[in-house]
C-alpha atoms as a PDB file:
ATOM      1  CA  MET A   1     -31.908-100.714 -24.678  1.00  0.00           C
ATOM      2  CA  LYS A   2     -34.025-101.983 -27.554  1.00  0.00           C
ATOM      3  CA  ARG A   3     -35.335-105.431 -26.695  1.00  0.00           C
ATOM      4  CA  LYS A   4     -37.597-107.967 -28.342  1.00  0.00           C
ATOM      5  CA  ASN A   5     -40.977-107.988 -26.660  1.00  0.00           C
ATOM      6  CA  PHE A   6     -41.573-111.662 -25.923  1.00  0.00           C
ATOM      7  CA  ILE A   7     -41.612-114.046 -22.997  1.00  0.00           C
ATOM      8  CA  LEU A   8     -40.520-117.651 -23.316  1.00  0.00           C
ATOM      9  CA  PRO A   9     -42.624-120.232 -21.443  1.00  0.00           C
ATOM     10  CA  ILE A  10     -41.005-122.202 -18.670  1.00  0.00           C
ATOM     11  CA  ALA A  11     -42.262-125.575 -17.410  1.00  0.00           C
ATOM     12  CA  MET A  12     -43.335-125.745 -13.811  1.00  0.00           C
ATOM     13  CA  ILE A  13     -41.193-127.124 -11.790  1.00  0.00           C
ATOM     14  CA  LEU A  14      -8.025-109.508  -7.762  1.00  0.00           C
ATOM     15  CA  LEU A  15      -6.034-112.339  -9.036  1.00  0.00           C
ATOM     16  CA  ALA A  16      -7.130-115.760  -8.163  1.00  0.00           C
ATOM     17  CA  THR A  17      -7.528-119.103  -9.820  1.00  0.00           C
ATOM     18  CA  ALA A  18     -10.636-120.217  -7.928  1.00  0.00           C
ATOM     19  CA  CYS A  19     -13.288-119.020  -5.556  1.00  0.00           C
ATOM     20  CA  ASP A  20     -13.266-120.444  -2.060  1.00  0.00           C
ATOM     21  CA  ILE A  21     -15.790-123.088  -1.079  1.00  0.00           C
ATOM     22  CA  VAL A  22     -18.110-121.546   1.471  1.00  0.00           C
ATOM     23  CA  ASP A  23     -20.820-122.611   3.841  1.00  0.00           C
ATOM     24  CA  VAL A  24     -24.228-121.208   2.984  1.00  0.00           C
ATOM     25  CA  PRO A  25     -24.412-118.141   5.242  1.00  0.00           C
ATOM     26  CA  ILE A  26     -28.208-117.998   5.390  1.00  0.00           C
ATOM     27  CA  GLU A  27     -29.877-118.724   8.695  1.00  0.00           C
ATOM     28  CA  GLU A  28     -32.557-121.375   8.642  1.00  0.00           C
ATOM     29  CA  PRO A  29     -36.086-120.059   9.171  1.00  0.00           C
ATOM     30  CA  ILE A  30     -38.127-120.589  12.305  1.00  0.00           C
ATOM     31  CA  ILE A  31     -40.137-123.718  11.577  1.00  0.00           C
ATOM     32  CA  ALA A  32     -43.577-124.427  12.998  1.00  0.00           C
ATOM     33  CA  GLU A  33     -46.136-127.129  12.268  1.00  0.00           C
ATOM     34  CA  THR A  34     -48.868-125.612  10.104  1.00  0.00           C
ATOM     35  CA  ASP A  35     -50.583-126.981   6.980  1.00  0.00           C
ATOM     36  CA  SER A  36     -47.287-128.685   6.030  1.00  0.00           C
ATOM     37  CA  TYR A  37     -45.660-125.370   5.037  1.00  0.00           C
ATOM     38  CA  PRO A  38     -43.072-123.629   7.231  1.00  0.00           C
ATOM     39  CA  LEU A  39     -44.046-120.435   9.002  1.00  0.00           C
ATOM     40  CA  ILE A  40     -42.200-117.170   8.560  1.00  0.00           C
ATOM     41  CA  ASP A  41     -41.217-115.076  11.547  1.00  0.00           C
ATOM     42  CA  SER A  42     -43.076-111.881  10.654  1.00  0.00           C
ATOM     43  CA  THR A  43     -41.005-109.856  13.137  1.00  0.00           C
ATOM     44  CA  ALA A  44     -37.790-110.726  11.272  1.00  0.00           C
ATOM     45  CA  LEU A  45     -38.783-109.542   7.788  1.00  0.00           C
ATOM     46  CA  ASN A  46     -36.561-107.018   6.062  1.00  0.00           C
ATOM     47  CA  ASP A  47     -38.761-103.923   6.147  1.00  0.00           C
ATOM     48  CA  SER A  48     -36.013-101.317   5.893  1.00  0.00           C
ATOM     49  CA  LEU A  49     -34.018-101.900   2.691  1.00  0.00           C
ATOM     50  CA  ARG A  50     -34.811-102.905  -0.846  1.00  0.00           C
ATOM     51  CA  MET A  51     -32.446-105.768  -1.570  1.00  0.00           C
ATOM     52  CA  VAL A  52     -30.150-105.420  -4.562  1.00  0.00           C
ATOM     53  CA  ILE A  53     -30.366-108.593  -6.641  1.00  0.00           C
ATOM     54  CA  VAL A  54     -27.513-109.033  -9.110  1.00  0.00           C
ATOM     55  CA  GLU A  55     -28.015-111.602 -11.873  1.00  0.00           C
ATOM     56  CA  GLU A  56     -24.566-112.307 -13.279  1.00  0.00           C
ATOM     57  CA  PHE A  57     -24.353-113.945 -16.716  1.00  0.00           C
ATOM     58  CA  THR A  58     -21.234-116.066 -16.947  1.00  0.00           C
ATOM     59  CA  GLY A  59     -19.786-119.286 -18.347  1.00  0.00           C
ATOM     60  CA  HIS A  60     -17.184-121.896 -17.499  1.00  0.00           C
ATOM     61  CA  LYS A  61     -15.172-121.066 -20.643  1.00  0.00           C
ATOM     62  CA  CYS A  62     -15.195-117.311 -19.963  1.00  0.00           C
ATOM     63  CA  SER A  63     -11.616-116.634 -18.896  1.00  0.00           C
ATOM     64  CA  PHE A  64     -12.286-113.088 -17.688  1.00  0.00           C
ATOM     65  CA  CYS A  65     -15.350-114.059 -15.615  1.00  0.00           C
ATOM     66  CA  PRO A  66     -13.598-115.319 -12.436  1.00  0.00           C
ATOM     67  CA  GLY A  67     -11.811-112.012 -11.849  1.00  0.00           C
ATOM     68  CA  ASN A  68     -15.056-110.099 -12.233  1.00  0.00           C
ATOM     69  CA  THR A  69     -16.849-112.531  -9.917  1.00  0.00           C
ATOM     70  CA  ILE A  70     -14.216-111.935  -7.242  1.00  0.00           C
ATOM     71  CA  GLN A  71     -14.912-108.203  -7.444  1.00  0.00           C
ATOM     72  CA  LEU A  72     -18.654-108.839  -7.189  1.00  0.00           C
ATOM     73  CA  LEU A  73     -18.199-111.099  -4.149  1.00  0.00           C
ATOM     74  CA  ALA A  74     -16.053-108.438  -2.478  1.00  0.00           C
ATOM     75  CA  LEU A  75     -18.825-105.891  -3.016  1.00  0.00           C
ATOM     76  CA  GLN A  76     -21.373-108.311  -1.575  1.00  0.00           C
ATOM     77  CA  LYS A  77     -19.159-108.926   1.467  1.00  0.00           C
ATOM     78  CA  GLU A  78     -18.977-105.185   2.024  1.00  0.00           C
ATOM     79  CA  HIS A  79     -22.777-104.873   1.840  1.00  0.00           C
ATOM     80  CA  LYS A  80     -23.807-108.369   2.946  1.00  0.00           C
ATOM     81  CA  GLU A  81     -27.196-107.231   4.278  1.00  0.00           C
ATOM     82  CA  ASN A  82     -28.139-105.541   1.000  1.00  0.00           C
ATOM     83  CA  ILE A  83     -26.883-107.651  -1.957  1.00  0.00           C
ATOM     84  CA  LEU A  84     -27.993-111.029  -3.330  1.00  0.00           C
ATOM     85  CA  ILE A  85     -26.342-112.782  -6.293  1.00  0.00           C
ATOM     86  CA  ILE A  86     -27.531-115.341  -8.818  1.00  0.00           C
ATOM     87  CA  SER A  87     -24.978-116.567 -11.364  1.00  0.00           C
ATOM     88  CA  VAL A  88     -26.581-117.608 -14.644  1.00  0.00           C
ATOM     89  CA  HIS A  89     -24.597-119.818 -17.008  1.00  0.00           C
ATOM     90  CA  ALA A  90     -26.162-119.331 -20.429  1.00  0.00           C
ATOM     91  CA  GLY A  91     -25.404-118.645 -24.080  1.00  0.00           C
ATOM     92  CA  THR A  92     -23.637-120.629 -26.769  1.00  0.00           C
ATOM     93  CA  THR A  93     -20.261-118.909 -26.521  1.00  0.00           C
ATOM     94  CA  PHE A  94     -18.942-119.701 -23.041  1.00  0.00           C
ATOM     95  CA  ALA A  95     -21.546-121.830 -21.242  1.00  0.00           C
ATOM     96  CA  LYS A  96     -21.879-124.857 -23.528  1.00  0.00           C
ATOM     97  CA  PRO A  97     -20.445-128.130 -22.189  1.00  0.00           C
ATOM     98  CA  GLU A  98     -17.234-129.056 -23.958  1.00  0.00           C
ATOM     99  CA  PRO A  99     -15.995-132.505 -22.862  1.00  0.00           C
ATOM    100  CA  PRO A 100     -13.542-133.556 -21.725  1.00  0.00           C
ATOM    101  CA  ASP A 101     -12.136-130.255 -20.462  1.00  0.00           C
ATOM    102  CA  TYR A 102     -15.438-128.534 -19.589  1.00  0.00           C
ATOM    103  CA  PRO A 103     -17.988-131.334 -19.213  1.00  0.00           C
ATOM    104  CA  THR A 104     -20.421-129.737 -16.759  1.00  0.00           C
ATOM    105  CA  ASP A 105     -23.738-128.448 -18.074  1.00  0.00           C
ATOM    106  CA  PHE A 106     -24.736-125.463 -15.936  1.00  0.00           C
ATOM    107  CA  ASN A 107     -27.408-124.318 -18.385  1.00  0.00           C
ATOM    108  CA  THR A 108     -31.069-124.172 -17.365  1.00  0.00           C
ATOM    109  CA  GLU A 109     -34.188-123.455 -19.371  1.00  0.00           C
ATOM    110  CA  TYR A 110     -34.931-120.474 -17.138  1.00  0.00           C
ATOM    111  CA  GLY A 111     -31.403-119.057 -17.398  1.00  0.00           C
ATOM    112  CA  THR A 112     -31.395-119.392 -21.176  1.00  0.00           C
ATOM    113  CA  ALA A 113     -34.773-117.623 -21.407  1.00  0.00           C
ATOM    114  CA  LEU A 114     -33.468-114.704 -19.323  1.00  0.00           C
ATOM    115  CA  HIS A 115     -30.230-114.566 -21.313  1.00  0.00           C
ATOM    116  CA  ASP A 116     -32.127-114.408 -24.600  1.00  0.00           C
ATOM    117  CA  PHE A 117     -34.809-111.966 -23.420  1.00  0.00           C
ATOM    118  CA  TYR A 118     -32.196-109.434 -22.310  1.00  0.00           C
ATOM    119  CA  GLN A 119     -30.030-110.161 -25.381  1.00  0.00           C
ATOM    120  CA  ILE A 120     -26.925-110.720 -23.276  1.00  0.00           C
ATOM    121  CA  ALA A 121     -25.014-112.095 -26.279  1.00  0.00           C
ATOM    122  CA  THR A 122     -25.035-108.604 -27.796  1.00  0.00           C
ATOM    123  CA  PHE A 123     -23.085-107.243 -24.809  1.00  0.00           C
ATOM    124  CA  ALA A 124     -20.120-108.997 -23.176  1.00  0.00           C
ATOM    125  CA  TYR A 125     -19.360-111.738 -20.695  1.00  0.00           C
ATOM    126  CA  PRO A 126     -19.714-111.401 -17.846  1.00  0.00           C
ATOM    127  CA  SER A 127     -22.665-109.025 -17.793  1.00  0.00           C
ATOM    128  CA  ALA A 128     -25.184-108.349 -15.053  1.00  0.00           C
ATOM    129  CA  LEU A 129     -28.696-107.135 -14.381  1.00  0.00           C
ATOM    130  CA  VAL A 130     -29.173-105.066 -11.227  1.00  0.00           C
ATOM    131  CA  ASN A 131     -32.753-105.409  -9.962  1.00  0.00           C
ATOM    132  CA  ARG A 132     -33.538-105.671 -13.709  1.00  0.00           C
ATOM    133  CA  ALA A 133     -33.780-101.894 -13.475  1.00  0.00           C
ATOM    134  CA  ILE A 134     -32.811 -99.238 -16.002  1.00  0.00           C
ATOM    135  CA  ILE A 135     -30.100 -97.182 -14.308  1.00  0.00           C
ATOM    136  CA  ASP A 136     -28.694 -94.110 -16.034  1.00  0.00           C
ATOM    137  CA  GLY A 137     -30.228 -95.322 -19.280  1.00  0.00           C
ATOM    138  CA  GLU A 138     -28.707 -98.794 -19.139  1.00  0.00           C
ATOM    139  CA  GLU A 139     -30.237-102.153 -18.235  1.00  0.00           C
ATOM    140  CA  VAL A 140     -27.417-104.630 -18.913  1.00  0.00           C
ATOM    141  CA  PHE A 141     -24.030-103.873 -17.327  1.00  0.00           C
ATOM    142  CA  PRO A 142     -20.963-105.533 -18.897  1.00  0.00           C
ATOM    143  CA  SER A 143     -18.203-106.381 -16.409  1.00  0.00           C
ATOM    144  CA  HIS A 144     -17.476-105.140 -12.918  1.00  0.00           C
ATOM    145  CA  VAL A 145     -16.448-101.742 -14.267  1.00  0.00           C
ATOM    146  CA  LYS A 146     -20.064-101.066 -15.253  1.00  0.00           C
ATOM    147  CA  TRP A 147     -22.096-103.037 -12.728  1.00  0.00           C
ATOM    148  CA  LYS A 148     -20.187-101.679  -9.709  1.00  0.00           C
ATOM    149  CA  ASP A 149     -21.609 -98.193 -10.261  1.00  0.00           C
ATOM    150  CA  ALA A 150     -25.114 -99.572 -10.904  1.00  0.00           C
ATOM    151  CA  ILE A 151     -24.994-101.616  -7.691  1.00  0.00           C
ATOM    152  CA  ASN A 152     -23.677 -98.716  -5.620  1.00  0.00           C
ATOM    153  CA  ALA A 153     -26.436 -96.488  -7.004  1.00  0.00           C
ATOM    154  CA  SER A 154     -29.010 -99.078  -5.892  1.00  0.00           C
ATOM    155  CA  LEU A 155     -27.782 -99.556  -2.329  1.00  0.00           C
ATOM    156  CA  ASP A 156     -29.636 -98.237   0.714  1.00  0.00           C
ATOM    157  CA  GLN A 157     -32.932 -97.702  -1.081  1.00  0.00           C
ATOM    158  CA  PRO A 158     -35.930 -97.940   1.276  1.00  0.00           C
ATOM    159  CA  ALA A 159     -38.140-101.000   0.960  1.00  0.00           C
ATOM    160  CA  THR A 160     -41.696-100.674  -0.316  1.00  0.00           C
ATOM    161  CA  LEU A 161     -42.393-104.316   0.490  1.00  0.00           C
ATOM    162  CA  ALA A 162     -41.265-106.446   3.436  1.00  0.00           C
ATOM    163  CA  LEU A 163     -40.594-109.942   2.105  1.00  0.00           C
ATOM    164  CA  GLY A 164     -39.907-113.271   3.767  1.00  0.00           C
ATOM    165  CA  VAL A 165     -39.413-116.801   2.479  1.00  0.00           C
ATOM    166  CA  ALA A 166     -39.233-120.120   4.348  1.00  0.00           C
ATOM    167  CA  ALA A 167     -38.616-123.587   2.935  1.00  0.00           C
ATOM    168  CA  ASP A 168     -38.586-127.226   4.012  1.00  0.00           C
ATOM    169  CA  LEU A 169     -36.704-129.840   2.002  1.00  0.00           C
ATOM    170  CA  THR A 170     -37.730-133.447   2.597  1.00  0.00           C
ATOM    171  CA  GLU A 171     -34.556-135.430   2.086  1.00  0.00           C
ATOM    172  CA  SER A 172     -36.279-138.750   1.362  1.00  0.00           C
ATOM    173  CA  ASP A 173     -38.042-137.528  -1.804  1.00  0.00           C
ATOM    174  CA  ASN A 174     -36.352-134.169  -2.567  1.00  0.00           C
ATOM    175  CA  LYS A 175     -39.624-132.264  -2.219  1.00  0.00           C
ATOM    176  CA  LEU A 176     -39.673-128.566  -1.343  1.00  0.00           C
ATOM    177  CA  SER A 177     -42.449-126.868   0.628  1.00  0.00           C
ATOM    178  CA  ILE A 178     -42.058-123.104   0.333  1.00  0.00           C
ATOM    179  CA  ARG A 179     -43.976-120.212   1.841  1.00  0.00           C
ATOM    180  CA  VAL A 180     -43.540-116.613   0.685  1.00  0.00           C
ATOM    181  CA  SER A 181     -45.108-113.799   2.716  1.00  0.00           C
ATOM    182  CA  ALA A 182     -45.060-110.079   2.019  1.00  0.00           C
ATOM    183  CA  ARG A 183     -46.349-106.985   3.803  1.00  0.00           C
ATOM    184  CA  ALA A 184     -46.787-103.754   1.881  1.00  0.00           C
ATOM    185  CA  ILE A 185     -44.998-100.785   3.421  1.00  0.00           C
ATOM    186  CA  GLU A 186     -46.413 -98.561   0.691  1.00  0.00           C
ATOM    187  CA  PRO A 187     -49.366 -99.434  -1.568  1.00  0.00           C
ATOM    188  CA  ILE A 188     -48.248-101.961  -4.194  1.00  0.00           C
ATOM    189  CA  ILE A 189     -50.353-101.131  -7.255  1.00  0.00           C
ATOM    190  CA  GLY A 190     -50.727-103.251 -10.375  1.00  0.00           C
ATOM    191  CA  GLU A 191     -49.797-106.830 -11.160  1.00  0.00           C
ATOM    192  CA  HIS A 192     -46.708-108.177  -9.425  1.00  0.00           C
ATOM    193  CA  ARG A 193     -45.313-111.628 -10.054  1.00  0.00           C
ATOM    194  CA  LEU A 194     -43.370-114.150  -8.001  1.00  0.00           C
ATOM    195  CA  VAL A 195     -40.318-116.049  -9.227  1.00  0.00           C
ATOM    196  CA  LEU A 196     -38.642-118.676  -7.045  1.00  0.00           C
ATOM    197  CA  VAL A 197     -35.103-119.594  -8.077  1.00  0.00           C
ATOM    198  CA  CYS A 198     -33.088-122.512  -6.748  1.00  0.00           C
ATOM    199  CA  VAL A 199     -29.449-121.514  -6.242  1.00  0.00           C
ATOM    200  CA  GLU A 200     -26.551-123.816  -5.342  1.00  0.00           C
ATOM    201  CA  ASP A 201     -23.294-122.464  -3.973  1.00  0.00           C
ATOM    202  CA  SER A 202     -19.732-123.757  -4.329  1.00  0.00           C
ATOM    203  CA  VAL A 203     -20.259-126.231  -7.166  1.00  0.00           C
ATOM    204  CA  ILE A 204     -16.881-127.773  -8.011  1.00  0.00           C
ATOM    205  CA  ALA A 205     -16.175-127.997 -11.732  1.00  0.00           C
ATOM    206  CA  PRO A 206     -13.543-126.803 -14.249  1.00  0.00           C
ATOM    207  CA  GLN A 207     -13.372-123.102 -15.121  1.00  0.00           C
ATOM    208  CA  LYS A 208     -11.192-121.181 -17.535  1.00  0.00           C
ATOM    209  CA  ASP A 209      -9.388-118.326 -15.791  1.00  0.00           C
ATOM    210  CA  VAL A 210      -7.040-115.872 -17.486  1.00  0.00           C
ATOM    211  CA  ASN A 211      -5.126-115.539 -14.196  1.00  0.00           C
ATOM    212  CA  SER A 212      -4.475-119.255 -13.881  1.00  0.00           C
ATOM    213  CA  THR A 213      -0.997-120.672 -14.432  1.00  0.00           C
ATOM    214  CA  GLU A 214      -2.446-124.105 -15.244  1.00  0.00           C
ATOM    215  CA  PRO A 215      -2.246-125.445 -18.821  1.00  0.00           C
ATOM    216  CA  GLY A 216      -4.864-123.820 -21.013  1.00  0.00           C
ATOM    217  CA  GLU A 217      -5.834-121.514 -18.092  1.00  0.00           C
ATOM    218  CA  ARG A 218      -8.043-124.388 -16.868  1.00  0.00           C
ATOM    219  CA  VAL A 219      -8.768-124.561 -13.142  1.00  0.00           C
ATOM    220  CA  VAL A 220      -9.949-128.121 -12.486  1.00  0.00           C
ATOM    221  CA  ASP A 221     -11.422-127.610  -9.005  1.00  0.00           C
ATOM    222  CA  TYR A 222     -12.967-124.169  -9.309  1.00  0.00           C
ATOM    223  CA  ALA A 223     -15.782-123.365  -6.857  1.00  0.00           C
ATOM    224  CA  HIS A 224     -18.653-121.880  -8.864  1.00  0.00           C
ATOM    225  CA  ARG A 225     -20.620-119.502  -6.647  1.00  0.00           C
ATOM    226  CA  HIS A 226     -24.391-118.833  -6.525  1.00  0.00           C
ATOM    227  CA  VAL A 227     -25.203-121.147  -9.451  1.00  0.00           C
ATOM    228  CA  CYS A 228     -28.725-120.844 -10.840  1.00  0.00           C
ATOM    229  CA  ARG A 229     -30.288-124.327 -10.832  1.00  0.00           C
ATOM    230  CA  GLY A 230     -33.573-123.185 -12.295  1.00  0.00           C
ATOM    231  CA  LYS A 231     -36.933-121.587 -11.644  1.00  0.00           C
ATOM    232  CA  ILE A 232     -39.096-123.790  -9.436  1.00  0.00           C
ATOM    233  CA  ASN A 233     -42.569-122.222  -9.363  1.00  0.00           C
ATOM    234  CA  ALA A 234     -45.352-121.881 -11.916  1.00  0.00           C
ATOM    235  CA  GLY A 235     -45.756-119.361 -14.707  1.00  0.00           C
ATOM    236  CA  ASN A 236     -43.524-118.154 -17.491  1.00  0.00           C
ATOM    237  CA  THR A 237     -40.035-116.656 -17.323  1.00  0.00           C
ATOM    238  CA  PHE A 238     -41.411-113.828 -15.191  1.00  0.00           C
ATOM    239  CA  GLY A 239     -43.242-116.093 -12.790  1.00  0.00           C
ATOM    240  CA  GLU A 240     -46.796-116.371 -11.556  1.00  0.00           C
ATOM    241  CA  VAL A 241     -49.154-113.657 -10.335  1.00  0.00           C
ATOM    242  CA  PHE A 242     -48.469-112.837  -6.689  1.00  0.00           C
ATOM    243  CA  SER A 243     -50.746-109.821  -6.278  1.00  0.00           C
ATOM    244  CA  ASN A 244     -52.728-107.211  -8.196  1.00  0.00           C
ATOM    245  CA  GLN A 245     -52.830-104.756  -5.310  1.00  0.00           C
ATOM    246  CA  ILE A 246     -51.613-104.767  -1.729  1.00  0.00           C
ATOM    247  CA  ASP A 247     -52.648-101.832   0.438  1.00  0.00           C
ATOM    248  CA  ALA A 248     -50.149-100.437   2.930  1.00  0.00           C
ATOM    249  CA  GLY A 249     -50.017-102.694   5.973  1.00  0.00           C
ATOM    250  CA  GLU A 250     -51.766-105.573   4.188  1.00  0.00           C
ATOM    251  CA  TRP A 251     -50.275-109.006   3.488  1.00  0.00           C
ATOM    252  CA  ALA A 252     -49.986-111.310   0.479  1.00  0.00           C
ATOM    253  CA  GLU A 253     -48.819-114.913   0.517  1.00  0.00           C
ATOM    254  CA  ALA A 254     -47.936-117.800  -1.783  1.00  0.00           C
ATOM    255  CA  LYS A 255     -47.306-121.476  -1.033  1.00  0.00           C
ATOM    256  CA  VAL A 256     -45.395-123.704  -3.446  1.00  0.00           C
ATOM    257  CA  PHE A 257     -44.837-127.459  -3.325  1.00  0.00           C
ATOM    258  CA  THR A 258     -42.303-128.639  -5.888  1.00  0.00           C
ATOM    259  CA  ASP A 259     -39.289-130.830  -6.614  1.00  0.00           C
ATOM    260  CA  LEU A 260     -35.696-129.951  -5.870  1.00  0.00           C
ATOM    261  CA  PRO A 261     -34.082-129.586  -9.321  1.00  0.00           C
ATOM    262  CA  SER A 262     -32.341-132.762 -10.413  1.00  0.00           C
ATOM    263  CA  ASN A 263     -29.152-130.848 -11.304  1.00  0.00           C
ATOM    264  CA  VAL A 264     -28.475-129.974  -7.636  1.00  0.00           C
ATOM    265  CA  VAL A 265     -25.300-131.717  -6.436  1.00  0.00           C
ATOM    266  CA  ASN A 266     -25.344-130.846  -2.735  1.00  0.00           C
ATOM    267  CA  PRO A 267     -28.678-129.872  -1.089  1.00  0.00           C
ATOM    268  CA  ASP A 268     -26.760-128.498   1.898  1.00  0.00           C
ATOM    269  CA  LYS A 269     -25.505-125.706  -0.375  1.00  0.00           C
ATOM    270  CA  VAL A 270     -28.946-124.730  -1.701  1.00  0.00           C
ATOM    271  CA  THR A 271     -30.785-121.471  -1.147  1.00  0.00           C
ATOM    272  CA  ILE A 272     -34.197-120.485  -2.423  1.00  0.00           C
ATOM    273  CA  VAL A 273     -34.386-116.922  -3.764  1.00  0.00           C
ATOM    274  CA  ALA A 274     -37.778-115.193  -4.003  1.00  0.00           C
ATOM    275  CA  LEU A 275     -38.175-112.320  -6.478  1.00  0.00           C
ATOM    276  CA  ILE A 276     -41.175-109.981  -6.601  1.00  0.00           C
ATOM    277  CA  ILE A 277     -41.389-108.431 -10.074  1.00  0.00           C
ATOM    278  CA  ASN A 278     -43.418-105.498 -11.348  1.00  0.00           C
ATOM    279  CA  ALA A 279     -45.208-107.055 -14.332  1.00  0.00           C
ATOM    280  CA  SER A 280     -45.350-103.818 -16.325  1.00  0.00           C
ATOM    281  CA  THR A 281     -41.683-102.825 -15.968  1.00  0.00           C
ATOM    282  CA  GLN A 282     -40.083-106.257 -15.241  1.00  0.00           C
ATOM    283  CA  GLU A 283     -38.197-104.555 -12.399  1.00  0.00           C
ATOM    284  CA  ILE A 284     -37.566-106.557  -9.228  1.00  0.00           C
ATOM    285  CA  ILE A 285     -38.968-104.502  -6.360  1.00  0.00           C
ATOM    286  CA  GLN A 286     -37.876-106.856  -3.566  1.00  0.00           C
ATOM    287  CA  SER A 287     -36.040-110.132  -3.063  1.00  0.00           C
ATOM    288  CA  ALA A 288     -35.172-112.503  -0.240  1.00  0.00           C
ATOM    289  CA  GLU A 289     -33.363-115.812   0.203  1.00  0.00           C
ATOM    290  CA  VAL A 290     -33.419-118.707   2.633  1.00  0.00           C
ATOM    291  CA  HIS A 291     -31.558-121.948   3.220  1.00  0.00           C
ATOM    292  CA  PRO A 292     -34.145-124.750   3.329  1.00  0.00           C
ATOM    293  CA  HIS A 293     -34.680-126.630   6.557  1.00  0.00           C
ATOM    294  CA  ILE A 294     -33.730-130.214   5.654  1.00  0.00           C
ATOM    295  CA  ILE A 295     -36.053-132.880   7.012  1.00  0.00           C
ATOM    296  CA  PRO A 296     -34.634-136.451   7.015  1.00  0.00           C
END
């Protein structure tokens, strides 16, 4: 795919009418007192599989998106140990707030930058990136028909990096303390960058759904899954430098202290997703997620 070569800066910081509201299914990390950042249980890192991270570009006025999301969630359920999802609401066609019917603004600066960099508007909605990899000559996969094959082709790949993330959320001031630790299974050569994304699940807001029998196909109490609430660490759209080289068996680590995004509705539904990105290819080589430990 021909793509403009630029990076936008980011400030630090089935038939169904609705998806079910779910509890965040991520176990809380083992917490220990140490320099105010949570510890990661090094024996519990995923050192066998490369996670498949699916970034789904969607919008609350996209009537065909809910059906495709249901198919994506079914695939994740089938491979729950191997697939992560981030839903990015972006673009001027389907994601813009439109009061009074679609008043919620799901857009984020980070999501818009990704949307524009990968020129999603020139494809279709929904579309998805799969590990931001080029698979069979394609990088952006419009609809479940396309992304299903890309995801299946990416499953069960061996990990080159064991990755763990732990997070504390202080309820009194909405501050996040995050630790990311990685151990190289194979030598990790060249610059690799870290992106931390705040994701909120089951956000209730209107959604247009072609399968709905409601007036105007509008589902008032739709549960929006895996909503991107923004990038929460330093650097540009593709994050901050995590490593330039990690020899096999060696470790790299990052610690981030930041605010919970102000657009989060329910902190109990939040997960923090860590992405390790090859700076030369922009491909995500490993990812992990965690539900923050909430401290009163």
